[in-house]
Amino acid sequence: MTPSDRRYAAVPGRLALILAALLALAACSPFAGIGPTEAVSETAAPAIEPGEASPVDEAPAAGSFTGLQESEVVGMLGDPAFVWAEGDARMWRYDAASCSLLVFLYPDGVRHAEVLGGEEETCLCELQGGCT
């Protein structure tokens, strides 16, 4: 066996060793284990069924959610379609036909809410069963 043949024969072993080292390092990453801790299927039912919600006179602005407690948000919008938790912070996502509402909750209440993918007033009306 020539020196060149021995070098190529050892390549699979080296690759396995390198791969094992990379996987071990990834497990020690400060980001290991970060991700959704609680989620509802993407095909979950809407937060509020059409017959359950009564139309509101005027939808609140996303900024008006600031300071609300978890139970108050659930009372207004029902259960979220998706929940992301990290530490003591949670992000709830509510989905309407044309948009999504993200609500960022902490132990002291909502710190931020924002609408993605549509007009804020229209989105909040859809999420609350429509505006009159």
N, C-alpha and C. Protein backbone atom coordinates (compact mmCIF):
# COMPACT_ATOMS: atom_id res chain seq x y z
N MET A 1 0.85 -1.16 0.00
CA MET A 1 0.00 0.00 0.00
C MET A 1 0.90 1.23 0.00
N THR A 2 0.60 2.15 -0.88
CA THR A 2 1.41 3.38 -0.98
C THR A 2 0.94 4.39 0.07
N PRO A 3 1.76 5.38 0.35
CA PRO A 3 1.34 6.42 1.32
C PRO A 3 0.05 7.12 0.90
N SER A 4 -0.13 7.29 -0.40
CA SER A 4 -1.36 7.92 -0.90
C SER A 4 -2.58 7.06 -0.59
N ASP A 5 -2.45 5.74 -0.77
CA ASP A 5 -3.56 4.82 -0.49
C ASP A 5 -3.92 4.85 1.00
N ARG A 6 -2.92 4.91 1.88
CA ARG A 6 -3.18 4.94 3.32
C ARG A 6 -3.91 6.23 3.72
N ARG A 7 -3.56 7.32 3.10
CA ARG A 7 -4.20 8.59 3.42
C ARG A 7 -5.69 8.54 3.08
N TYR A 8 -6.04 8.01 1.91
CA TYR A 8 -7.45 7.93 1.52
C TYR A 8 -8.21 6.88 2.33
N ALA A 9 -7.55 5.87 2.80
CA ALA A 9 -8.20 4.84 3.60
C ALA A 9 -8.60 5.40 4.96
N ALA A 10 -7.87 6.40 5.46
CA ALA A 10 -8.16 6.97 6.77
C ALA A 10 -9.21 8.08 6.71
N VAL A 11 -9.59 8.54 5.53
CA VAL A 11 -10.54 9.65 5.39
C VAL A 11 -11.88 9.36 6.04
N PRO A 12 -12.53 8.22 5.84
CA PRO A 12 -13.82 8.00 6.50
C PRO A 12 -13.73 8.08 8.02
N GLY A 13 -12.66 7.58 8.61
CA GLY A 13 -12.48 7.67 10.06
C GLY A 13 -12.31 9.11 10.52
N ARG A 14 -11.57 9.88 9.76
CA ARG A 14 -11.37 11.30 10.10
C ARG A 14 -12.68 12.06 10.00
N LEU A 15 -13.45 11.80 8.96
CA LEU A 15 -14.73 12.48 8.79
C LEU A 15 -15.67 12.15 9.94
N ALA A 16 -15.68 10.90 10.36
CA ALA A 16 -16.54 10.51 11.48
C ALA A 16 -16.10 11.22 12.75
N LEU A 17 -14.80 11.33 12.96
CA LEU A 17 -14.27 12.01 14.14
C LEU A 17 -14.63 13.50 14.12
N ILE A 18 -14.48 14.12 12.99
CA ILE A 18 -14.81 15.55 12.84
C ILE A 18 -16.30 15.76 13.07
N LEU A 19 -17.13 14.92 12.50
CA LEU A 19 -18.58 15.03 12.67
C LEU A 19 -18.97 14.86 14.14
N ALA A 20 -18.38 13.90 14.81
CA ALA A 20 -18.67 13.68 16.23
C ALA A 20 -18.27 14.90 17.05
N ALA A 21 -17.12 15.50 16.74
CA ALA A 21 -16.67 16.69 17.47
C ALA A 21 -17.61 17.86 17.24
N LEU A 22 -18.06 18.05 16.01
CA LEU A 22 -18.99 19.14 15.70
C LEU A 22 -20.32 18.95 16.41
N LEU A 23 -20.83 17.74 16.45
CA LEU A 23 -22.08 17.47 17.15
C LEU A 23 -21.94 17.71 18.64
N ALA A 24 -20.80 17.34 19.21
CA ALA A 24 -20.57 17.58 20.63
C ALA A 24 -20.52 19.08 20.92
N LEU A 25 -19.88 19.84 20.06
CA LEU A 25 -19.82 21.28 20.24
C LEU A 25 -21.20 21.91 20.10
N ALA A 26 -22.00 21.43 19.16
CA ALA A 26 -23.35 21.97 18.96
C ALA A 26 -24.21 21.74 20.20
N ALA A 27 -24.02 20.63 20.87
CA ALA A 27 -24.80 20.33 22.07
C ALA A 27 -24.43 21.28 23.21
N CYS A 28 -23.21 21.83 23.18
CA CYS A 28 -22.77 22.76 24.23
C CYS A 28 -23.12 24.21 23.88
N SER A 29 -23.71 24.44 22.76
CA SER A 29 -24.03 25.79 22.32
C SER A 29 -24.99 26.47 23.28
N PRO A 30 -24.84 27.78 23.49
CA PRO A 30 -25.80 28.50 24.34
C PRO A 30 -27.19 28.52 23.73
N PHE A 31 -27.31 28.18 22.45
CA PHE A 31 -28.60 28.17 21.78
C PHE A 31 -29.23 26.79 21.76
N ALA A 32 -28.56 25.79 22.31
CA ALA A 32 -29.10 24.44 22.32
C ALA A 32 -30.36 24.42 23.16
N GLY A 33 -31.40 23.83 22.64
CA GLY A 33 -32.65 23.71 23.37
C GLY A 33 -33.56 24.92 23.24
N ILE A 34 -33.11 25.99 22.56
CA ILE A 34 -33.98 27.14 22.39
C ILE A 34 -34.87 26.87 21.19
N GLY A 35 -36.10 27.06 21.37
CA GLY A 35 -37.07 26.87 20.30
C GLY A 35 -38.45 26.84 20.89
N PRO A 36 -39.44 26.57 20.06
CA PRO A 36 -40.80 26.56 20.58
C PRO A 36 -40.96 25.49 21.65
N THR A 37 -41.52 25.87 22.77
CA THR A 37 -41.71 24.92 23.84
C THR A 37 -43.15 24.47 23.94
N GLU A 38 -44.02 25.22 23.33
CA GLU A 38 -45.42 24.86 23.36
C GLU A 38 -46.02 25.39 22.07
N ALA A 39 -46.67 24.57 21.32
CA ALA A 39 -47.22 25.03 20.06
C ALA A 39 -48.52 24.31 19.77
N VAL A 40 -49.32 24.97 18.98
CA VAL A 40 -50.55 24.38 18.50
C VAL A 40 -50.36 24.17 17.01
N SER A 41 -50.91 23.15 16.49
CA SER A 41 -50.74 22.82 15.08
C SER A 41 -51.09 24.01 14.19
N GLU A 42 -50.39 24.12 13.08
CA GLU A 42 -50.69 25.17 12.11
C GLU A 42 -52.11 25.03 11.55
N THR A 43 -52.69 23.86 11.67
CA THR A 43 -54.04 23.65 11.16
C THR A 43 -55.08 23.76 12.27
N ALA A 44 -54.68 24.34 13.40
CA ALA A 44 -55.60 24.48 14.52
C ALA A 44 -56.76 25.38 14.15
N ALA A 45 -57.85 25.22 14.85
CA ALA A 45 -59.03 26.05 14.62
C ALA A 45 -58.71 27.49 14.97
N PRO A 46 -59.46 28.45 14.40
CA PRO A 46 -59.23 29.85 14.74
C PRO A 46 -59.40 30.06 16.24
N ALA A 47 -58.81 31.13 16.75
CA ALA A 47 -58.86 31.41 18.17
C ALA A 47 -60.30 31.53 18.66
N ILE A 48 -61.16 32.17 17.88
CA ILE A 48 -62.56 32.31 18.24
C ILE A 48 -63.38 31.83 17.04
N GLU A 49 -64.28 30.93 17.27
CA GLU A 49 -65.14 30.44 16.20
C GLU A 49 -66.09 31.57 15.78
N PRO A 50 -66.51 31.61 14.51
CA PRO A 50 -67.36 32.70 14.04
C PRO A 50 -68.61 32.92 14.89
N GLY A 51 -69.24 31.88 15.37
CA GLY A 51 -70.46 32.04 16.16
C GLY A 51 -70.21 32.46 17.60
N GLU A 52 -68.98 32.34 18.07
CA GLU A 52 -68.66 32.63 19.47
C GLU A 52 -68.44 34.11 19.73
N ALA A 53 -67.90 34.83 18.77
CA ALA A 53 -67.55 36.23 18.99
C ALA A 53 -68.67 37.13 18.52
N SER A 54 -68.86 38.22 19.23
CA SER A 54 -69.83 39.21 18.78
C SER A 54 -69.04 40.38 18.23
N PRO A 55 -69.52 40.96 17.13
CA PRO A 55 -68.78 42.08 16.54
C PRO A 55 -68.59 43.21 17.54
N VAL A 56 -67.47 43.89 17.43
CA VAL A 56 -67.17 45.01 18.30
C VAL A 56 -67.43 46.31 17.55
N ASP A 57 -67.68 47.38 18.29
CA ASP A 57 -67.91 48.68 17.64
C ASP A 57 -66.65 49.17 16.96
N GLU A 58 -65.53 49.01 17.64
CA GLU A 58 -64.27 49.49 17.09
C GLU A 58 -63.14 48.63 17.64
N ALA A 59 -62.27 48.21 16.77
CA ALA A 59 -61.14 47.38 17.21
C ALA A 59 -60.12 48.23 17.94
N PRO A 60 -59.52 47.69 19.00
CA PRO A 60 -58.47 48.45 19.69
C PRO A 60 -57.21 48.48 18.84
N ALA A 61 -56.39 49.47 19.05
CA ALA A 61 -55.09 49.52 18.37
C ALA A 61 -54.19 48.48 19.02
N ALA A 62 -53.23 47.97 18.25
CA ALA A 62 -52.32 46.96 18.79
C ALA A 62 -51.60 47.48 20.02
N GLY A 63 -51.29 48.77 20.04
CA GLY A 63 -50.61 49.36 21.18
C GLY A 63 -51.45 49.36 22.45
N SER A 64 -52.77 49.26 22.30
CA SER A 64 -53.63 49.29 23.49
C SER A 64 -53.58 47.98 24.27
N PHE A 65 -52.94 46.96 23.75
CA PHE A 65 -52.78 45.70 24.46
C PHE A 65 -51.71 45.82 25.56
N THR A 66 -50.85 46.83 25.46
CA THR A 66 -49.76 47.00 26.41
C THR A 66 -50.30 47.08 27.83
N GLY A 67 -49.73 46.27 28.71
CA GLY A 67 -50.12 46.26 30.11
C GLY A 67 -51.22 45.27 30.45
N LEU A 68 -51.92 44.74 29.45
CA LEU A 68 -52.97 43.76 29.73
C LEU A 68 -52.37 42.49 30.28
N GLN A 69 -53.12 41.81 31.12
CA GLN A 69 -52.70 40.52 31.66
C GLN A 69 -53.13 39.42 30.70
N GLU A 70 -52.52 38.26 30.86
CA GLU A 70 -52.79 37.09 30.02
C GLU A 70 -54.30 36.80 29.93
N SER A 71 -54.99 36.80 31.05
CA SER A 71 -56.42 36.48 31.07
C SER A 71 -57.23 37.51 30.30
N GLU A 72 -56.80 38.77 30.30
CA GLU A 72 -57.52 39.81 29.56
C GLU A 72 -57.36 39.61 28.06
N VAL A 73 -56.18 39.23 27.62
CA VAL A 73 -55.95 38.97 26.19
C VAL A 73 -56.78 37.78 25.75
N VAL A 74 -56.79 36.71 26.55
CA VAL A 74 -57.60 35.53 26.22
C VAL A 74 -59.07 35.90 26.19
N GLY A 75 -59.52 36.75 27.10
CA GLY A 75 -60.90 37.20 27.11
C GLY A 75 -61.29 37.96 25.86
N MET A 76 -60.35 38.71 25.30
CA MET A 76 -60.62 39.49 24.09
C MET A 76 -60.50 38.66 22.81
N LEU A 77 -59.51 37.77 22.76
CA LEU A 77 -59.17 37.10 21.50
C LEU A 77 -59.27 35.59 21.55
N GLY A 78 -59.46 35.01 22.72
CA GLY A 78 -59.47 33.55 22.83
C GLY A 78 -58.05 33.02 22.94
N ASP A 79 -57.90 31.72 22.78
CA ASP A 79 -56.58 31.09 22.85
C ASP A 79 -55.79 31.38 21.59
N PRO A 80 -54.48 31.59 21.72
CA PRO A 80 -53.65 31.85 20.54
C PRO A 80 -53.52 30.61 19.66
N ALA A 81 -53.22 30.85 18.39
CA ALA A 81 -52.99 29.76 17.44
C ALA A 81 -51.61 29.15 17.63
N PHE A 82 -50.68 29.94 18.17
CA PHE A 82 -49.30 29.48 18.35
C PHE A 82 -48.70 30.18 19.55
N VAL A 83 -47.90 29.46 20.33
CA VAL A 83 -47.23 30.03 21.50
C VAL A 83 -45.74 29.70 21.41
N TRP A 84 -44.91 30.70 21.62
CA TRP A 84 -43.46 30.53 21.70
C TRP A 84 -43.05 31.00 23.08
N ALA A 85 -42.35 30.19 23.83
CA ALA A 85 -41.93 30.57 25.18
C ALA A 85 -40.42 30.46 25.30
N GLU A 86 -39.84 31.45 25.96
CA GLU A 86 -38.41 31.43 26.24
C GLU A 86 -38.21 32.16 27.56
N GLY A 87 -37.76 31.42 28.56
CA GLY A 87 -37.62 32.01 29.89
C GLY A 87 -38.98 32.42 30.41
N ASP A 88 -39.09 33.65 30.89
CA ASP A 88 -40.38 34.13 31.39
C ASP A 88 -41.15 34.92 30.34
N ALA A 89 -40.64 34.97 29.11
CA ALA A 89 -41.31 35.68 28.02
C ALA A 89 -42.07 34.69 27.12
N ARG A 90 -43.20 35.16 26.61
CA ARG A 90 -43.98 34.36 25.67
C ARG A 90 -44.43 35.23 24.52
N MET A 91 -44.49 34.65 23.34
CA MET A 91 -45.05 35.33 22.18
C MET A 91 -46.26 34.52 21.76
N TRP A 92 -47.40 35.18 21.71
CA TRP A 92 -48.62 34.52 21.24
C TRP A 92 -48.92 35.04 19.85
N ARG A 93 -49.32 34.12 18.96
CA ARG A 93 -49.69 34.52 17.60
C ARG A 93 -51.17 34.20 17.39
N TYR A 94 -51.90 35.18 16.94
CA TYR A 94 -53.30 35.02 16.57
C TYR A 94 -53.38 35.19 15.06
N ASP A 95 -54.08 34.29 14.38
CA ASP A 95 -54.16 34.33 12.92
C ASP A 95 -55.57 34.68 12.46
N ALA A 96 -55.66 35.64 11.56
CA ALA A 96 -56.90 36.00 10.87
C ALA A 96 -56.71 35.63 9.41
N ALA A 97 -57.73 35.80 8.60
CA ALA A 97 -57.64 35.44 7.18
C ALA A 97 -56.55 36.23 6.46
N SER A 98 -56.39 37.50 6.81
CA SER A 98 -55.47 38.35 6.05
C SER A 98 -54.23 38.79 6.82
N CYS A 99 -54.09 38.35 8.07
CA CYS A 99 -52.99 38.88 8.87
C CYS A 99 -52.74 38.02 10.09
N SER A 100 -51.75 38.42 10.87
CA SER A 100 -51.46 37.80 12.17
C SER A 100 -51.19 38.90 13.18
N LEU A 101 -51.53 38.62 14.43
CA LEU A 101 -51.24 39.52 15.53
C LEU A 101 -50.25 38.81 16.44
N LEU A 102 -49.15 39.48 16.74
CA LEU A 102 -48.17 38.95 17.69
C LEU A 102 -48.31 39.73 18.99
N VAL A 103 -48.45 38.99 20.10
CA VAL A 103 -48.57 39.60 21.42
C VAL A 103 -47.42 39.07 22.27
N PHE A 104 -46.61 39.98 22.82
CA PHE A 104 -45.44 39.61 23.61
C PHE A 104 -45.76 39.80 25.09
N LEU A 105 -45.83 38.69 25.82
CA LEU A 105 -46.22 38.69 27.23
C LEU A 105 -45.04 38.41 28.15
N TYR A 106 -45.04 39.10 29.28
CA TYR A 106 -44.07 38.91 30.35
C TYR A 106 -44.85 38.78 31.65
N PRO A 107 -44.22 38.45 32.76
CA PRO A 107 -44.96 38.31 34.01
C PRO A 107 -45.77 39.56 34.39
N ASP A 108 -45.30 40.75 33.99
CA ASP A 108 -46.03 41.98 34.32
C ASP A 108 -47.08 42.35 33.29
N GLY A 109 -47.28 41.52 32.27
CA GLY A 109 -48.32 41.76 31.26
C GLY A 109 -47.74 41.92 29.87
N VAL A 110 -48.58 42.40 28.96
CA VAL A 110 -48.18 42.60 27.55
C VAL A 110 -47.24 43.79 27.48
N ARG A 111 -46.12 43.59 26.83
CA ARG A 111 -45.17 44.70 26.62
C ARG A 111 -45.22 45.23 25.19
N HIS A 112 -45.69 44.38 24.26
CA HIS A 112 -45.71 44.82 22.86
C HIS A 112 -46.70 43.95 22.10
N ALA A 113 -47.36 44.54 21.12
CA ALA A 113 -48.23 43.79 20.20
C ALA A 113 -48.09 44.44 18.83
N GLU A 114 -48.09 43.60 17.80
CA GLU A 114 -47.98 44.14 16.45
C GLU A 114 -48.70 43.26 15.45
N VAL A 115 -49.19 43.91 14.40
CA VAL A 115 -49.91 43.22 13.33
C VAL A 115 -48.95 43.01 12.17
N LEU A 116 -48.98 41.80 11.62
CA LEU A 116 -48.17 41.47 10.45
C LEU A 116 -49.08 41.12 9.28
N GLY A 117 -48.79 41.65 8.12
CA GLY A 117 -49.44 41.22 6.90
C GLY A 117 -50.77 41.86 6.57
N GLY A 118 -51.14 42.93 7.20
CA GLY A 118 -52.42 43.57 6.87
C GLY A 118 -52.57 44.88 7.62
N GLU A 119 -53.70 45.53 7.37
CA GLU A 119 -54.01 46.76 8.07
C GLU A 119 -54.37 46.44 9.51
N GLU A 120 -53.85 47.20 10.45
CA GLU A 120 -54.03 46.92 11.86
C GLU A 120 -55.51 46.86 12.25
N GLU A 121 -56.29 47.86 11.89
CA GLU A 121 -57.69 47.90 12.29
C GLU A 121 -58.48 46.74 11.70
N THR A 122 -58.25 46.45 10.42
CA THR A 122 -58.95 45.34 9.76
C THR A 122 -58.59 44.02 10.41
N CYS A 123 -57.32 43.84 10.71
CA CYS A 123 -56.85 42.59 11.32
C CYS A 123 -57.50 42.39 12.69
N LEU A 124 -57.45 43.42 13.52
CA LEU A 124 -58.01 43.29 14.86
C LEU A 124 -59.53 43.09 14.81
N CYS A 125 -60.19 43.68 13.83
CA CYS A 125 -61.63 43.44 13.66
C CYS A 125 -61.88 41.97 13.31
N GLU A 126 -61.10 41.43 12.38
CA GLU A 126 -61.25 40.02 11.99
C GLU A 126 -61.03 39.10 13.19
N LEU A 127 -60.02 39.39 13.99
CA LEU A 127 -59.70 38.55 15.14
C LEU A 127 -60.80 38.60 16.21
N GLN A 128 -61.54 39.69 16.26
CA GLN A 128 -62.57 39.84 17.27
C GLN A 128 -63.97 39.59 16.72
N GLY A 129 -64.06 38.96 15.57
CA GLY A 129 -65.37 38.59 15.02
C GLY A 129 -66.00 39.64 14.12
N GLY A 130 -65.24 40.64 13.76
CA GLY A 130 -65.75 41.68 12.86
C GLY A 130 -66.13 42.93 13.60
N CYS A 131 -66.07 44.07 12.91
CA CYS A 131 -66.45 45.35 13.49
C CYS A 131 -67.76 45.81 12.86
N THR A 132 -68.53 46.54 13.62
CA THR A 132 -69.80 47.03 13.09
C THR A 132 -69.64 48.45 12.59
